[in-house]
Amino acid sequence: ISALFVFTMEGKVVFMTGLIMGIAMLLGANLGAKMA
């Protein structure tokens, strides 16, 4: 969260790309945590 805030303020985030990857990560993270 903290690093994302800094990179966003510096204009170093491509939001469309990050959100596409993030949605897939949401599914992967949920499954991985449940398996653990």
Full PDB file with SEQRES, HELIX, SHEET, SSBOND, CRYST1, ORIGX, SCALE, CONECT and MASTER records, all heavy atoms in Angstrom:
SEQRES   1 A   36  ILE SER ALA LEU PHE VAL PHE THR MET GLU GLY LYS VAL          
SEQRES   2 A   36  VAL PHE MET THR GLY LEU ILE MET GLY ILE ALA MET LEU          
SEQRES   3 A   36  LEU GLY ALA ASN LEU GLY ALA LYS MET ALA                      
HELIX    1 AA1 SER A    2  MET A    9  1                                   8    
HELIX    2 AA2 PHE A   15  MET A   35  1                                  21    
CRYST1    1.000    1.000    1.000  90.00  90.00  90.00 P 1           1          
ORIGX1      1.000000  0.000000  0.000000        0.00000                         
ORIGX2      0.000000  1.000000  0.000000        0.00000                         
ORIGX3      0.000000  0.000000  1.000000        0.00000                         
SCALE1      1.000000  0.000000  0.000000        0.00000                         
SCALE2      0.000000  1.000000  0.000000        0.00000                         
SCALE3      0.000000  0.000000  1.000000        0.00000                         
ATOM      1  N   ILE A   1       0.832  -1.203   0.000  1.00  0.00           N  
ATOM      2  CA  ILE A   1       0.000   0.000   0.000  1.00  0.00           C  
ATOM      3  C   ILE A   1       0.865   1.251   0.000  1.00  0.00           C  
ATOM      4  O   ILE A   1       0.640   2.191  -0.773  1.00  0.00           O  
ATOM      5  CB  ILE A   1      -0.943   0.009   1.227  1.00  0.00           C  
ATOM      6  CG1 ILE A   1      -2.030  -1.060   1.079  1.00  0.00           C  
ATOM      7  CG2 ILE A   1      -1.590   1.388   1.402  1.00  0.00           C  
ATOM      8  CD1 ILE A   1      -2.872  -1.244   2.329  1.00  0.00           C  
ATOM      9  N   SER A   2       1.864   1.255   0.865  1.00  0.00           N  
ATOM     10  CA  SER A   2       2.726   2.420   1.001  1.00  0.00           C  
ATOM     11  C   SER A   2       3.528   2.675  -0.269  1.00  0.00           C  
ATOM     12  O   SER A   2       3.598   3.807  -0.770  1.00  0.00           O  
ATOM     13  CB  SER A   2       3.679   2.215   2.182  1.00  0.00           C  
ATOM     14  OG  SER A   2       4.350   3.402   2.502  1.00  0.00           O  
ATOM     15  N   ALA A   3       4.139   1.607  -0.821  1.00  0.00           N  
ATOM     16  CA  ALA A   3       4.924   1.754  -2.048  1.00  0.00           C  
ATOM     17  C   ALA A   3       4.028   2.167  -3.215  1.00  0.00           C  
ATOM     18  O   ALA A   3       4.423   2.998  -4.046  1.00  0.00           O  
ATOM     19  CB  ALA A   3       5.646   0.449  -2.362  1.00  0.00           C  
ATOM     20  N   LEU A   4       2.835   1.599  -3.282  1.00  0.00           N  
ATOM     21  CA  LEU A   4       1.896   1.963  -4.357  1.00  0.00           C  
ATOM     22  C   LEU A   4       1.547   3.441  -4.296  1.00  0.00           C  
ATOM     23  O   LEU A   4       1.470   4.115  -5.330  1.00  0.00           O  
ATOM     24  CB  LEU A   4       0.621   1.114  -4.246  1.00  0.00           C  
ATOM     25  CG  LEU A   4      -0.499   1.470  -5.237  1.00  0.00           C  
ATOM     26  CD1 LEU A   4      -0.032   1.292  -6.681  1.00  0.00           C  
ATOM     27  CD2 LEU A   4      -1.741   0.625  -4.958  1.00  0.00           C  
ATOM     28  N   PHE A   5       1.359   3.965  -3.102  1.00  0.00           N  
ATOM     29  CA  PHE A   5       1.053   5.388  -2.929  1.00  0.00           C  
ATOM     30  C   PHE A   5       2.167   6.258  -3.517  1.00  0.00           C  
ATOM     31  O   PHE A   5       1.908   7.210  -4.260  1.00  0.00           O  
ATOM     32  CB  PHE A   5       0.864   5.708  -1.442  1.00  0.00           C  
ATOM     33  CG  PHE A   5       0.726   7.182  -1.156  1.00  0.00           C  
ATOM     34  CD1 PHE A   5      -0.470   7.840  -1.395  1.00  0.00           C  
ATOM     35  CD2 PHE A   5       1.798   7.904  -0.648  1.00  0.00           C  
ATOM     36  CE1 PHE A   5      -0.597   9.205  -1.133  1.00  0.00           C  
ATOM     37  CE2 PHE A   5       1.683   9.258  -0.384  1.00  0.00           C  
ATOM     38  CZ  PHE A   5       0.474   9.909  -0.626  1.00  0.00           C  
ATOM     39  N   VAL A   6       3.413   5.899  -3.193  1.00  0.00           N  
ATOM     40  CA  VAL A   6       4.550   6.680  -3.684  1.00  0.00           C  
ATOM     41  C   VAL A   6       4.652   6.602  -5.204  1.00  0.00           C  
ATOM     42  O   VAL A   6       4.793   7.624  -5.888  1.00  0.00           O  
ATOM     43  CB  VAL A   6       5.867   6.197  -3.049  1.00  0.00           C  
ATOM     44  CG1 VAL A   6       7.066   6.918  -3.674  1.00  0.00           C  
ATOM     45  CG2 VAL A   6       5.851   6.440  -1.542  1.00  0.00           C  
ATOM     46  N   PHE A   7       4.560   5.396  -5.757  1.00  0.00           N  
ATOM     47  CA  PHE A   7       4.669   5.232  -7.203  1.00  0.00           C  
ATOM     48  C   PHE A   7       3.519   5.932  -7.934  1.00  0.00           C  
ATOM     49  O   PHE A   7       3.706   6.476  -9.028  1.00  0.00           O  
ATOM     50  CB  PHE A   7       4.696   3.749  -7.568  1.00  0.00           C  
ATOM     51  CG  PHE A   7       6.040   3.098  -7.356  1.00  0.00           C  
ATOM     52  CD1 PHE A   7       6.205   2.099  -6.406  1.00  0.00           C  
ATOM     53  CD2 PHE A   7       7.146   3.485  -8.100  1.00  0.00           C  
ATOM     54  CE1 PHE A   7       7.440   1.497  -6.204  1.00  0.00           C  
ATOM     55  CE2 PHE A   7       8.381   2.890  -7.912  1.00  0.00           C  
ATOM     56  CZ  PHE A   7       8.537   1.902  -6.957  1.00  0.00           C  
ATOM     57  N   THR A   8       2.340   5.929  -7.340  1.00  0.00           N  
ATOM     58  CA  THR A   8       1.202   6.623  -7.946  1.00  0.00           C  
ATOM     59  C   THR A   8       1.438   8.127  -7.976  1.00  0.00           C  
ATOM     60  O   THR A   8       1.187   8.797  -8.984  1.00  0.00           O  
ATOM     61  CB  THR A   8      -0.097   6.315  -7.177  1.00  0.00           C  
ATOM     62  OG1 THR A   8      -0.338   4.907  -7.196  1.00  0.00           O  
ATOM     63  CG2 THR A   8      -1.291   7.030  -7.810  1.00  0.00           C  
ATOM     64  N   MET A   9       1.932   8.673  -6.862  1.00  0.00           N  
ATOM     65  CA  MET A   9       2.215  10.102  -6.801  1.00  0.00           C  
ATOM     66  C   MET A   9       3.308  10.514  -7.794  1.00  0.00           C  
ATOM     67  O   MET A   9       3.326  11.642  -8.281  1.00  0.00           O  
ATOM     68  CB  MET A   9       2.645  10.492  -5.378  1.00  0.00           C  
ATOM     69  CG  MET A   9       1.557  10.382  -4.316  1.00  0.00           C  
ATOM     70  SD  MET A   9       0.134  11.494  -4.628  1.00  0.00           S  
ATOM     71  CE  MET A   9      -1.036  10.338  -5.364  1.00  0.00           C  
ATOM     72  N   GLU A  10       4.199   9.577  -8.104  1.00  0.00           N  
ATOM     73  CA  GLU A  10       5.285   9.849  -9.050  1.00  0.00           C  
ATOM     74  C   GLU A  10       4.888   9.537 -10.497  1.00  0.00           C  
ATOM     75  O   GLU A  10       5.705   9.676 -11.406  1.00  0.00           O  
ATOM     76  CB  GLU A  10       6.530   9.036  -8.674  1.00  0.00           C  
ATOM     77  CG  GLU A  10       7.128   9.378  -7.323  1.00  0.00           C  
ATOM     78  CD  GLU A  10       7.794  10.738  -7.293  1.00  0.00           C  
ATOM     79  OE1 GLU A  10       8.125  11.259  -8.381  1.00  0.00           O  
ATOM     80  OE2 GLU A  10       7.969  11.296  -6.190  1.00  0.00           O  
ATOM     81  N   GLY A  11       3.643   9.097 -10.693  1.00  0.00           N  
ATOM     82  CA  GLY A  11       3.173   8.785 -12.043  1.00  0.00           C  
ATOM     83  C   GLY A  11       3.804   7.547 -12.643  1.00  0.00           C  
ATOM     84  O   GLY A  11       3.977   7.446 -13.859  1.00  0.00           O  
ATOM     85  N   LYS A  12       4.143   6.547 -11.796  1.00  0.00           N  
ATOM     86  CA  LYS A  12       4.840   5.350 -12.260  1.00  0.00           C  
ATOM     87  C   LYS A  12       3.940   4.111 -12.256  1.00  0.00           C  
ATOM     88  O   LYS A  12       4.423   2.980 -12.126  1.00  0.00           O  
ATOM     89  CB  LYS A  12       6.066   5.081 -11.369  1.00  0.00           C  
ATOM     90  CG  LYS A  12       7.061   6.225 -11.274  1.00  0.00           C  
ATOM     91  CD  LYS A  12       7.675   6.575 -12.615  1.00  0.00           C  
ATOM     92  CE  LYS A  12       8.725   7.675 -12.463  1.00  0.00           C  
ATOM     93  NZ  LYS A  12       9.292   8.084 -13.762  1.00  0.00           N  
ATOM     94  N   VAL A  13       2.637   4.295 -12.423  1.00  0.00           N  
ATOM     95  CA  VAL A  13       1.697   3.171 -12.423  1.00  0.00           C  
ATOM     96  C   VAL A  13       0.850   3.206 -13.692  1.00  0.00           C  
ATOM     97  O   VAL A  13       0.256   4.234 -14.017  1.00  0.00           O  
ATOM     98  CB  VAL A  13       0.767   3.210 -11.185  1.00  0.00           C  
ATOM     99  CG1 VAL A  13      -0.198   2.023 -11.209  1.00  0.00           C  
ATOM    100  CG2 VAL A  13       1.576   3.220  -9.894  1.00  0.00           C  
ATOM    101  N   VAL A  14       0.796   2.072 -14.396  1.00  0.00           N  
ATOM    102  CA  VAL A  14      -0.107   1.925 -15.546  1.00  0.00           C  
ATOM    103  C   VAL A  14      -1.340   1.180 -15.028  1.00  0.00           C  
ATOM    104  O   VAL A  14      -1.312  -0.041 -14.845  1.00  0.00           O  
ATOM    105  CB  VAL A  14       0.561   1.148 -16.694  1.00  0.00           C  
ATOM    106  CG1 VAL A  14      -0.391   1.043 -17.887  1.00  0.00           C  
ATOM    107  CG2 VAL A  14       1.865   1.813 -17.108  1.00  0.00           C  
ATOM    108  N   PHE A  15      -2.411   1.907 -14.777  1.00  0.00           N  
ATOM    109  CA  PHE A  15      -3.544   1.358 -14.031  1.00  0.00           C  
ATOM    110  C   PHE A  15      -4.277   0.245 -14.776  1.00  0.00           C  
ATOM    111  O   PHE A  15      -4.670  -0.760 -14.167  1.00  0.00           O  
ATOM    112  CB  PHE A  15      -4.508   2.479 -13.643  1.00  0.00           C  
ATOM    113  CG  PHE A  15      -4.017   3.309 -12.496  1.00  0.00           C  
ATOM    114  CD1 PHE A  15      -3.304   4.480 -12.724  1.00  0.00           C  
ATOM    115  CD2 PHE A  15      -4.230   2.917 -11.190  1.00  0.00           C  
ATOM    116  CE1 PHE A  15      -2.826   5.242 -11.672  1.00  0.00           C  
ATOM    117  CE2 PHE A  15      -3.762   3.671 -10.123  1.00  0.00           C  
ATOM    118  CZ  PHE A  15      -3.056   4.841 -10.367  1.00  0.00           C  
ATOM    119  N   MET A  16      -4.488   0.384 -16.066  1.00  0.00           N  
ATOM    120  CA  MET A  16      -5.214  -0.649 -16.801  1.00  0.00           C  
ATOM    121  C   MET A  16      -4.475  -1.979 -16.733  1.00  0.00           C  
ATOM    122  O   MET A  16      -5.059  -3.026 -16.466  1.00  0.00           O  
ATOM    123  CB  MET A  16      -5.406  -0.229 -18.255  1.00  0.00           C  
ATOM    124  CG  MET A  16      -6.187  -1.241 -19.093  1.00  0.00           C  
ATOM    125  SD  MET A  16      -7.854  -1.570 -18.440  1.00  0.00           S  
ATOM    126  CE  MET A  16      -8.634   0.022 -18.778  1.00  0.00           C  
ATOM    127  N   THR A  17      -3.172  -1.935 -16.966  1.00  0.00           N  
ATOM    128  CA  THR A  17      -2.358  -3.149 -16.913  1.00  0.00           C  
ATOM    129  C   THR A  17      -2.358  -3.744 -15.512  1.00  0.00           C  
ATOM    130  O   THR A  17      -2.523  -4.955 -15.324  1.00  0.00           O  
ATOM    131  CB  THR A  17      -0.910  -2.844 -17.343  1.00  0.00           C  
ATOM    132  OG1 THR A  17      -0.919  -2.263 -18.644  1.00  0.00           O  
ATOM    133  CG2 THR A  17      -0.075  -4.111 -17.355  1.00  0.00           C  
ATOM    134  N   GLY A  18      -2.166  -2.898 -14.504  1.00  0.00           N  
ATOM    135  CA  GLY A  18      -2.137  -3.362 -13.124  1.00  0.00           C  
ATOM    136  C   GLY A  18      -3.453  -3.977 -12.674  1.00  0.00           C  
ATOM    137  O   GLY A  18      -3.471  -4.970 -11.940  1.00  0.00           O  
ATOM    138  N   LEU A  19      -4.557  -3.398 -13.125  1.00  0.00           N  
ATOM    139  CA  LEU A  19      -5.873  -3.922 -12.737  1.00  0.00           C  
ATOM    140  C   LEU A  19      -6.165  -5.261 -13.399  1.00  0.00           C  
ATOM    141  O   LEU A  19      -6.758  -6.154 -12.787  1.00  0.00           O  
ATOM    142  CB  LEU A  19      -6.961  -2.907 -13.089  1.00  0.00           C  
ATOM    143  CG  LEU A  19      -6.995  -1.650 -12.215  1.00  0.00           C  
ATOM    144  CD1 LEU A  19      -7.982  -0.639 -12.768  1.00  0.00           C  
ATOM    145  CD2 LEU A  19      -7.353  -2.003 -10.769  1.00  0.00           C  
ATOM    146  N   ILE A  20      -5.753  -5.417 -14.668  1.00  0.00           N  
ATOM    147  CA  ILE A  20      -5.947  -6.700 -15.351  1.00  0.00           C  
ATOM    148  C   ILE A  20      -5.177  -7.804 -14.636  1.00  0.00           C  
ATOM    149  O   ILE A  20      -5.713  -8.876 -14.336  1.00  0.00           O  
ATOM    150  CB  ILE A  20      -5.517  -6.605 -16.829  1.00  0.00           C  
ATOM    151  CG1 ILE A  20      -6.485  -5.712 -17.604  1.00  0.00           C  
ATOM    152  CG2 ILE A  20      -5.453  -7.997 -17.475  1.00  0.00           C  
ATOM    153  CD1 ILE A  20      -6.026  -5.397 -19.011  1.00  0.00           C  
ATOM    154  N   MET A  21      -3.914  -7.530 -14.365  1.00  0.00           N  
ATOM    155  CA  MET A  21      -3.108  -8.510 -13.633  1.00  0.00           C  
ATOM    156  C   MET A  21      -3.642  -8.695 -12.218  1.00  0.00           C  
ATOM    157  O   MET A  21      -3.665  -9.811 -11.681  1.00  0.00           O  
ATOM    158  CB  MET A  21      -1.644  -8.078 -13.595  1.00  0.00           C  
ATOM    159  CG  MET A  21      -0.730  -9.048 -12.872  1.00  0.00           C  
ATOM    160  SD  MET A  21       1.046  -8.615 -13.001  1.00  0.00           S  
ATOM    161  CE  MET A  21       1.475  -9.545 -14.482  1.00  0.00           C  
ATOM    162  N   GLY A  22      -4.107  -7.613 -11.594  1.00  0.00           N  
ATOM    163  CA  GLY A  22      -4.601  -7.674 -10.224  1.00  0.00           C  
ATOM    164  C   GLY A  22      -5.846  -8.519 -10.068  1.00  0.00           C  
ATOM    165  O   GLY A  22      -6.015  -9.224  -9.069  1.00  0.00           O  
ATOM    166  N   ILE A  23      -6.734  -8.486 -11.063  1.00  0.00           N  
ATOM    167  CA  ILE A  23      -7.954  -9.302 -11.000  1.00  0.00           C  
ATOM    168  C   ILE A  23      -7.594 -10.783 -11.023  1.00  0.00           C  
ATOM    169  O   ILE A  23      -8.152 -11.593 -10.276  1.00  0.00           O  
ATOM    170  CB  ILE A  23      -8.894  -8.939 -12.167  1.00  0.00           C  
ATOM    171  CG1 ILE A  23      -9.468  -7.540 -11.956  1.00  0.00           C  
ATOM    172  CG2 ILE A  23     -10.035  -9.958 -12.284  1.00  0.00           C  
ATOM    173  CD1 ILE A  23     -10.214  -6.986 -13.140  1.00  0.00           C  
ATOM    174  N   ALA A  24      -6.640 -11.143 -11.892  1.00  0.00           N  
ATOM    175  CA  ALA A  24      -6.173 -12.537 -11.930  1.00  0.00           C  
ATOM    176  C   ALA A  24      -5.487 -12.898 -10.619  1.00  0.00           C  
ATOM    177  O   ALA A  24      -5.630 -14.016 -10.108  1.00  0.00           O  
ATOM    178  CB  ALA A  24      -5.222 -12.731 -13.104  1.00  0.00           C  
ATOM    179  N   MET A  25      -4.739 -11.941 -10.059  1.00  0.00           N  
ATOM    180  CA  MET A  25      -4.067 -12.174  -8.780  1.00  0.00           C  
ATOM    181  C   MET A  25      -5.070 -12.376  -7.649  1.00  0.00           C  
ATOM    182  O   MET A  25      -4.816 -13.148  -6.715  1.00  0.00           O  
ATOM    183  CB  MET A  25      -3.146 -11.002  -8.448  1.00  0.00           C  
ATOM    184  CG  MET A  25      -1.823 -11.021  -9.187  1.00  0.00           C  
ATOM    185  SD  MET A  25      -0.710  -9.710  -8.583  1.00  0.00           S  
ATOM    186  CE  MET A  25       0.879 -10.341  -9.133  1.00  0.00           C  
ATOM    187  N   LEU A  26      -6.167 -11.681  -7.719  1.00  0.00           N  
ATOM    188  CA  LEU A  26      -7.218 -11.843  -6.708  1.00  0.00           C  
ATOM    189  C   LEU A  26      -7.645 -13.302  -6.619  1.00  0.00           C  
ATOM    190  O   LEU A  26      -7.766 -13.869  -5.532  1.00  0.00           O  
ATOM    191  CB  LEU A  26      -8.399 -10.936  -7.050  1.00  0.00           C  
ATOM    192  CG  LEU A  26      -9.534 -10.812  -6.049  1.00  0.00           C  
ATOM    193  CD1 LEU A  26     -10.209  -9.441  -6.219  1.00  0.00           C  
ATOM    194  CD2 LEU A  26     -10.587 -11.894  -6.238  1.00  0.00           C  
ATOM    195  N   LEU A  27      -7.848 -13.923  -7.769  1.00  0.00           N  
ATOM    196  CA  LEU A  27      -8.273 -15.322  -7.800  1.00  0.00           C  
ATOM    197  C   LEU A  27      -7.162 -16.247  -7.314  1.00  0.00           C  
ATOM    198  O   LEU A  27      -7.392 -17.159  -6.518  1.00  0.00           O  
ATOM    199  CB  LEU A  27      -8.688 -15.701  -9.223  1.00  0.00           C  
ATOM    200  CG  LEU A  27      -9.849 -14.893  -9.823  1.00  0.00           C  
ATOM    201  CD1 LEU A  27     -10.060 -15.276 -11.287  1.00  0.00           C  
ATOM    202  CD2 LEU A  27     -11.125 -15.117  -9.025  1.00  0.00           C  
ATOM    203  N   GLY A  28      -5.938 -15.995  -7.779  1.00  0.00           N  
ATOM    204  CA  GLY A  28      -4.808 -16.825  -7.374  1.00  0.00           C  
ATOM    205  C   GLY A  28      -4.513 -16.719  -5.896  1.00  0.00           C  
ATOM    206  O   GLY A  28      -4.206 -17.726  -5.232  1.00  0.00           O  
ATOM    207  N   ALA A  29      -4.578 -15.517  -5.356  1.00  0.00           N  
ATOM    208  CA  ALA A  29      -4.292 -15.300  -3.936  1.00  0.00           C  
ATOM    209  C   ALA A  29      -5.324 -15.984  -3.050  1.00  0.00           C  
ATOM    210  O   ALA A  29      -4.993 -16.573  -2.014  1.00  0.00           O  
ATOM    211  CB  ALA A  29      -4.252 -13.804  -3.637  1.00  0.00           C  
ATOM    212  N   ASN A  30      -6.572 -15.917  -3.451  1.00  0.00           N  
ATOM    213  CA  ASN A  30      -7.643 -16.546  -2.677  1.00  0.00           C  
ATOM    214  C   ASN A  30      -7.460 -18.061  -2.622  1.00  0.00           C  
ATOM    215  O   ASN A  30      -7.541 -18.680  -1.558  1.00  0.00           O  
ATOM    216  CB  ASN A  30      -8.995 -16.203  -3.295  1.00  0.00           C  
ATOM    217  CG  ASN A  30     -10.151 -16.711  -2.465  1.00  0.00           C  
ATOM    218  OD1 ASN A  30     -10.209 -16.537  -1.250  1.00  0.00           O  
ATOM    219  ND2 ASN A  30     -11.099 -17.354  -3.119  1.00  0.00           N  
ATOM    220  N   LEU A  31      -7.150 -18.642  -3.775  1.00  0.00           N  
ATOM    221  CA  LEU A  31      -6.957 -20.096  -3.840  1.00  0.00           C  
ATOM    222  C   LEU A  31      -5.707 -20.521  -3.073  1.00  0.00           C  
ATOM    223  O   LEU A  31      -5.727 -21.503  -2.321  1.00  0.00           O  
ATOM    224  CB  LEU A  31      -6.846 -20.533  -5.302  1.00  0.00           C  
ATOM    225  CG  LEU A  31      -6.678 -22.043  -5.542  1.00  0.00           C  
ATOM    226  CD1 LEU A  31      -7.890 -22.803  -5.001  1.00  0.00           C  
ATOM    227  CD2 LEU A  31      -6.494 -22.327  -7.030  1.00  0.00           C  
ATOM    228  N   GLY A  32      -4.610 -19.780  -3.230  1.00  0.00           N  
ATOM    229  CA  GLY A  32      -3.372 -20.125  -2.555  1.00  0.00           C  
ATOM    230  C   GLY A  32      -3.482 -20.046  -1.047  1.00  0.00           C  
ATOM    231  O   GLY A  32      -2.992 -20.929  -0.323  1.00  0.00           O  
ATOM    232  N   ALA A  33      -4.130 -18.999  -0.547  1.00  0.00           N  
ATOM    233  CA  ALA A  33      -4.292 -18.846   0.898  1.00  0.00           C  
ATOM    234  C   ALA A  33      -5.169 -19.947   1.475  1.00  0.00           C  
ATOM    235  O   ALA A  33      -4.875 -20.502   2.543  1.00  0.00           O  
ATOM    236  CB  ALA A  33      -4.892 -17.470   1.208  1.00  0.00           C  
ATOM    237  N   LYS A  34      -6.237 -20.294   0.762  1.00  0.00           N  
ATOM    238  CA  LYS A  34      -7.127 -21.362   1.235  1.00  0.00           C  
ATOM    239  C   LYS A  34      -6.393 -22.696   1.275  1.00  0.00           C  
ATOM    240  O   LYS A  34      -6.573 -23.486   2.204  1.00  0.00           O  
ATOM    241  CB  LYS A  34      -8.355 -21.457   0.332  1.00  0.00           C  
ATOM    242  CG  LYS A  34      -9.358 -20.338   0.547  1.00  0.00           C  
ATOM    243  CD  LYS A  34     -10.577 -20.506  -0.345  1.00  0.00           C  
ATOM    244  CE  LYS A  34     -11.615 -19.421  -0.060  1.00  0.00           C  
ATOM    245  NZ  LYS A  34     -12.797 -19.544  -0.951  1.00  0.00           N  
ATOM    246  N   MET A  35      -5.556 -22.958   0.267  1.00  0.00           N  
ATOM    247  CA  MET A  35      -4.809 -24.212   0.242  1.00  0.00           C  
ATOM    248  C   MET A  35      -3.810 -24.264   1.386  1.00  0.00           C  
ATOM    249  O   MET A  35      -3.611 -25.312   2.010  1.00  0.00           O  
ATOM    250  CB  MET A  35      -4.093 -24.380  -1.097  1.00  0.00           C  
ATOM    251  CG  MET A  35      -3.326 -25.688  -1.221  1.00  0.00           C  
ATOM    252  SD  MET A  35      -2.729 -26.023  -2.887  1.00  0.00           S  
ATOM    253  CE  MET A  35      -4.274 -26.381  -3.714  1.00  0.00           C  
ATOM    254  N   ALA A  36      -3.156 -23.121   1.685  1.00  0.00           N  
ATOM    255  CA  ALA A  36      -2.197 -23.082   2.788  1.00  0.00           C  
ATOM    256  C   ALA A  36      -2.880 -23.380   4.114  1.00  0.00           C  
ATOM    257  O   ALA A  36      -2.350 -24.117   4.948  1.00  0.00           O  
ATOM    258  CB  ALA A  36      -1.517 -21.714   2.834  1.00  0.00           C  
TER     259      ALA A  36                                                      
MASTER        0    0    0    2    0    0    0    6  258    1    0    3          
END                                                                             
